[in-house]
Amino acid sequence: MLQIEKLLPGYNCGECGLSSCREFAAALVDVAGLDRCNILKQERFRGRAEQIAELLASPESREEIIGILDGLHADFALAPLPGEPSCREDLHPFNPDVFLKEGDIFRYRPLGCPITHFARVLKSCQGIVTVHLVGPVHLLQGLPAPEDIGLCMVLAFEGTISRGKRPDVGETVRFLPEHCMMQKVHSGVVVHSEGARVRIEGIDLKVW
């Protein structure tokens, strides 16, 4: 990435849709993506695109992302948004009596996953809860365990691509959430892609 960044114009102009040339270099996965940099097409940068293409074609640039639990290949690894502790997840609790508000911490089990998760509510709207995953530190501190709300369906993930291929909107992808304790590959459909930030819906923990 650093080698590619040095070959880019360095103007950080934002014409490619990203905030900096460094972010552009991190998100670049193939030669076609270079078309998004209009300044690179100027005569004074002639030959730079070819050098970047050589770097992209080198074996070192094709890192494999493999789930530890299932051994499946993922298209990319999903990291938290800047400054956040985990990827954002949208959940639908199956228990109709559950009422959660911003700041609440609770435990649950995602449908299709054997592991109990702990989460903090970012927002709750019409039965859909957006959360960050948190560790059970309260248990280590001797505080009462959070309420167990039972099974939840995971509806969406939102985060940034840290490694791997930048997807297109509408593409069905395999991805590895970096905070997943089991390091299991998930799948879903990309509904938003802006720079390294993506939102994936139609989540399935069973990858076919």
Protein backbone atom coordinates (compact mmCIF):
# COMPACT_ATOMS: atom_id res chain seq x y z
CA MET A 1 0.00 0.00 0.00
CA LEU A 2 2.81 2.41 0.90
CA GLN A 3 4.55 1.77 -2.42
CA ILE A 4 1.34 2.49 -4.32
CA GLU A 5 0.71 5.63 -2.27
CA LYS A 6 4.13 7.00 -3.28
CA LEU A 7 3.21 6.57 -6.96
CA LEU A 8 -0.12 8.41 -6.63
CA PRO A 9 -0.25 12.20 -7.22
CA GLY A 10 -0.56 12.97 -3.52
CA TYR A 11 -3.04 15.81 -3.97
CA ASN A 12 -5.66 14.30 -1.59
CA CYS A 13 -8.22 16.08 -3.76
CA GLY A 14 -11.09 13.69 -3.10
CA GLU A 15 -12.09 13.30 -6.77
CA CYS A 16 -11.90 9.51 -6.42
CA GLY A 17 -14.49 9.63 -3.61
CA LEU A 18 -11.96 9.02 -0.85
CA SER A 19 -10.43 11.50 1.58
CA SER A 20 -6.76 10.86 0.76
CA CYS A 21 -4.38 9.10 -1.61
CA ARG A 22 -3.43 6.78 1.24
CA GLU A 23 -7.05 5.68 1.62
CA PHE A 24 -7.27 5.24 -2.16
CA ALA A 25 -4.13 3.05 -2.12
CA ALA A 26 -5.57 0.93 0.71
CA ALA A 27 -8.86 0.38 -1.14
CA LEU A 28 -7.27 -0.36 -4.54
CA VAL A 29 -7.62 -4.02 -5.52
CA ASP A 30 -7.27 -4.04 -9.32
CA VAL A 31 -6.08 -1.94 -12.26
CA ALA A 32 -9.64 -0.94 -13.18
CA GLY A 33 -9.85 1.01 -9.92
CA LEU A 34 -7.15 3.42 -11.17
CA ASP A 35 -9.73 5.00 -13.50
CA ARG A 36 -11.16 6.75 -10.46
CA CYS A 37 -8.00 8.91 -10.19
CA ASN A 38 -8.31 11.52 -12.94
CA ILE A 39 -5.11 13.33 -11.98
CA LEU A 40 -3.08 10.15 -12.52
CA LYS A 41 -4.08 10.35 -16.21
CA GLN A 42 -2.22 13.63 -16.69
CA GLU A 43 0.93 13.58 -18.84
CA ARG A 44 3.26 14.44 -15.95
CA PHE A 45 2.30 11.18 -14.20
CA ARG A 46 2.80 9.03 -17.30
CA GLY A 47 4.03 5.54 -16.44
CA ARG A 48 2.78 5.62 -12.86
CA ALA A 49 -0.34 3.55 -13.64
CA GLU A 50 1.82 0.83 -15.20
CA GLN A 51 4.06 0.71 -12.11
CA ILE A 52 1.01 0.44 -9.84
CA ALA A 53 -0.38 -2.36 -12.04
CA GLU A 54 2.87 -4.29 -11.54
CA LEU A 55 2.56 -3.92 -7.77
CA LEU A 56 -1.06 -5.10 -7.84
CA ALA A 57 -0.08 -8.14 -9.90
CA SER A 58 2.70 -9.22 -7.52
CA PRO A 59 2.02 -12.34 -5.39
CA GLU A 60 2.46 -10.30 -2.18
CA SER A 61 -0.63 -8.24 -3.01
CA ARG A 62 -2.96 -11.23 -3.10
CA GLU A 63 -3.34 -12.01 0.60
CA GLU A 64 -5.68 -14.89 1.37
CA ILE A 65 -8.32 -14.28 4.04
CA ILE A 66 -9.46 -17.59 5.49
CA GLY A 67 -11.86 -18.32 8.33
CA ILE A 68 -10.26 -20.31 11.14
CA LEU A 69 -13.43 -22.20 12.11
CA ASP A 70 -14.64 -23.21 8.67
CA GLY A 71 -11.55 -22.84 6.46
CA LEU A 72 -13.58 -20.83 3.92
CA HIS A 73 -12.08 -18.03 1.83
CA ALA A 74 -13.42 -14.52 2.36
CA ASP A 75 -13.43 -11.62 -0.11
CA PHE A 76 -12.41 -9.17 2.61
CA ALA A 77 -11.99 -8.63 6.34
CA LEU A 78 -14.37 -6.15 7.97
CA ALA A 79 -12.96 -3.81 10.63
CA PRO A 80 -14.75 -1.23 12.81
CA LEU A 81 -15.48 2.28 11.61
CA PRO A 82 -12.77 4.73 12.75
CA GLY A 83 -12.84 5.25 16.51
CA GLU A 84 -15.37 2.50 17.19
CA PRO A 85 -14.75 -0.74 19.15
CA SER A 86 -16.33 -3.19 16.70
CA CYS A 87 -18.29 -3.33 13.47
CA ARG A 88 -21.86 -2.10 13.83
CA GLU A 89 -24.54 -4.77 13.74
CA ASP A 90 -28.30 -4.47 13.28
CA LEU A 91 -30.22 -7.06 15.29
CA HIS A 92 -33.83 -8.19 15.44
CA PRO A 93 -34.63 -9.75 18.85
CA PHE A 94 -37.10 -12.63 18.65
CA ASN A 95 -38.42 -11.90 22.14
CA PRO A 96 -41.33 -9.44 21.65
CA ASP A 97 -41.13 -8.27 25.27
CA VAL A 98 -37.62 -6.88 24.92
CA PHE A 99 -37.29 -3.10 25.24
CA LEU A 100 -33.79 -1.69 24.75
CA LYS A 101 -32.60 1.92 24.78
CA GLU A 102 -29.36 3.68 23.90
CA GLY A 103 -26.51 2.71 26.22
CA ASP A 104 -28.04 -0.55 27.46
CA ILE A 105 -25.74 -3.56 27.62
CA PHE A 106 -27.26 -6.99 27.06
CA ARG A 107 -26.33 -10.51 26.04
CA TYR A 108 -27.82 -12.58 23.26
CA ARG A 109 -27.10 -15.40 20.84
CA PRO A 110 -27.16 -14.74 17.09
CA LEU A 111 -29.34 -17.19 15.18
CA GLY A 112 -26.98 -19.80 13.71
CA CYS A 113 -24.10 -19.08 16.11
CA PRO A 114 -23.37 -21.12 19.27
CA ILE A 115 -21.55 -18.26 21.05
CA THR A 116 -23.18 -15.84 23.50
CA HIS A 117 -22.48 -12.22 22.53
CA PHE A 118 -22.46 -9.07 24.66
CA ALA A 119 -23.53 -5.79 23.07
CA ARG A 120 -24.10 -2.10 23.78
CA VAL A 121 -27.06 -0.33 22.15
CA LEU A 122 -26.28 2.57 19.81
CA LYS A 123 -29.89 3.11 18.77
CA SER A 124 -33.21 1.28 18.76
CA CYS A 125 -35.92 1.92 16.20
CA GLN A 126 -39.07 -0.06 15.35
CA GLY A 127 -37.75 -3.31 16.77
CA ILE A 128 -34.31 -3.08 15.13
CA VAL A 129 -31.36 -2.55 17.47
CA THR A 130 -28.00 -1.22 16.24
CA VAL A 131 -25.15 -2.31 18.49
CA HIS A 132 -21.43 -2.52 19.10
CA LEU A 133 -20.13 -5.80 20.48
CA VAL A 134 -18.40 -5.47 23.85
CA GLY A 135 -16.48 -7.89 26.03
CA PRO A 136 -18.04 -9.20 29.26
CA VAL A 137 -15.79 -7.00 31.42
CA HIS A 138 -18.64 -6.37 33.88
CA LEU A 139 -18.43 -10.04 34.88
CA LEU A 140 -14.76 -9.64 35.72
CA GLN A 141 -15.58 -6.57 37.82
CA GLY A 142 -18.14 -8.47 39.88
CA LEU A 143 -21.16 -6.58 38.54
CA PRO A 144 -24.45 -8.37 37.76
CA ALA A 145 -24.60 -10.04 34.36
CA PRO A 146 -26.56 -8.12 31.70
CA GLU A 147 -30.03 -9.28 30.75
CA ASP A 148 -30.08 -12.24 28.38
CA ILE A 149 -32.63 -11.42 25.66
CA GLY A 150 -32.27 -14.77 23.88
CA LEU A 151 -32.00 -15.32 20.14
CA CYS A 152 -31.53 -12.45 17.70
CA MET A 153 -31.39 -12.39 13.92
CA VAL A 154 -28.39 -10.48 12.57
CA LEU A 155 -29.73 -8.22 9.82
CA ALA A 156 -26.70 -6.13 8.82
CA PHE A 157 -23.03 -5.34 9.38
CA GLU A 158 -21.37 -1.98 8.83
CA GLY A 159 -17.63 -1.31 8.95
CA THR A 160 -14.53 -0.68 6.87
CA ILE A 161 -12.55 -3.04 4.67
CA SER A 162 -9.16 -3.64 6.25
CA ARG A 163 -7.90 -6.34 3.88
CA GLY A 164 -9.11 -7.83 0.62
CA LYS A 165 -11.29 -6.91 -2.34
CA ARG A 166 -13.44 -3.77 -2.39
CA PRO A 167 -16.96 -4.92 -3.36
CA ASP A 168 -19.56 -3.32 -5.62
CA VAL A 169 -23.08 -2.47 -4.50
CA GLY A 170 -25.40 -5.42 -5.14
CA GLU A 171 -22.58 -7.94 -4.93
CA THR A 172 -23.00 -11.05 -2.75
CA VAL A 173 -19.85 -11.35 -0.67
CA ARG A 174 -18.08 -13.50 1.86
CA PHE A 175 -16.50 -11.48 4.66
CA LEU A 176 -14.70 -12.06 7.94
CA PRO A 177 -15.67 -9.70 10.79
CA GLU A 178 -12.44 -8.96 12.65
CA HIS A 179 -14.20 -9.02 16.02
CA CYS A 180 -15.74 -12.47 15.45
CA MET A 181 -14.49 -14.71 18.29
CA MET A 182 -14.76 -17.82 16.12
CA GLN A 183 -13.18 -16.13 13.08
CA LYS A 184 -16.02 -17.49 10.96
CA VAL A 185 -16.74 -16.32 7.42
CA HIS A 186 -20.16 -14.65 6.99
CA SER A 187 -22.02 -13.81 3.79
CA GLY A 188 -24.41 -11.11 2.66
CA VAL A 189 -25.26 -8.51 0.03
CA VAL A 190 -23.49 -5.14 -0.19
CA VAL A 191 -26.06 -2.33 -0.13
CA HIS A 192 -23.65 0.59 0.36
CA SER A 193 -20.00 1.01 -0.61
CA GLU A 194 -18.18 4.32 -0.15
CA GLY A 195 -14.42 4.17 -0.10
CA ALA A 196 -13.45 1.54 2.43
CA ARG A 197 -16.82 1.78 4.24
CA VAL A 198 -19.44 -0.84 3.46
CA ARG A 199 -22.85 -1.93 4.68
CA ILE A 200 -23.85 -5.56 4.20
CA GLU A 201 -27.42 -6.85 4.61
CA GLY A 202 -29.12 -10.21 4.13
CA ILE A 203 -26.61 -11.75 6.55
CA ASP A 204 -26.20 -15.51 6.50
CA LEU A 205 -23.91 -17.34 8.91
CA LYS A 206 -24.09 -20.40 6.67
CA VAL A 207 -21.82 -19.83 3.67
CA TRP A 208 -22.70 -22.07 0.73
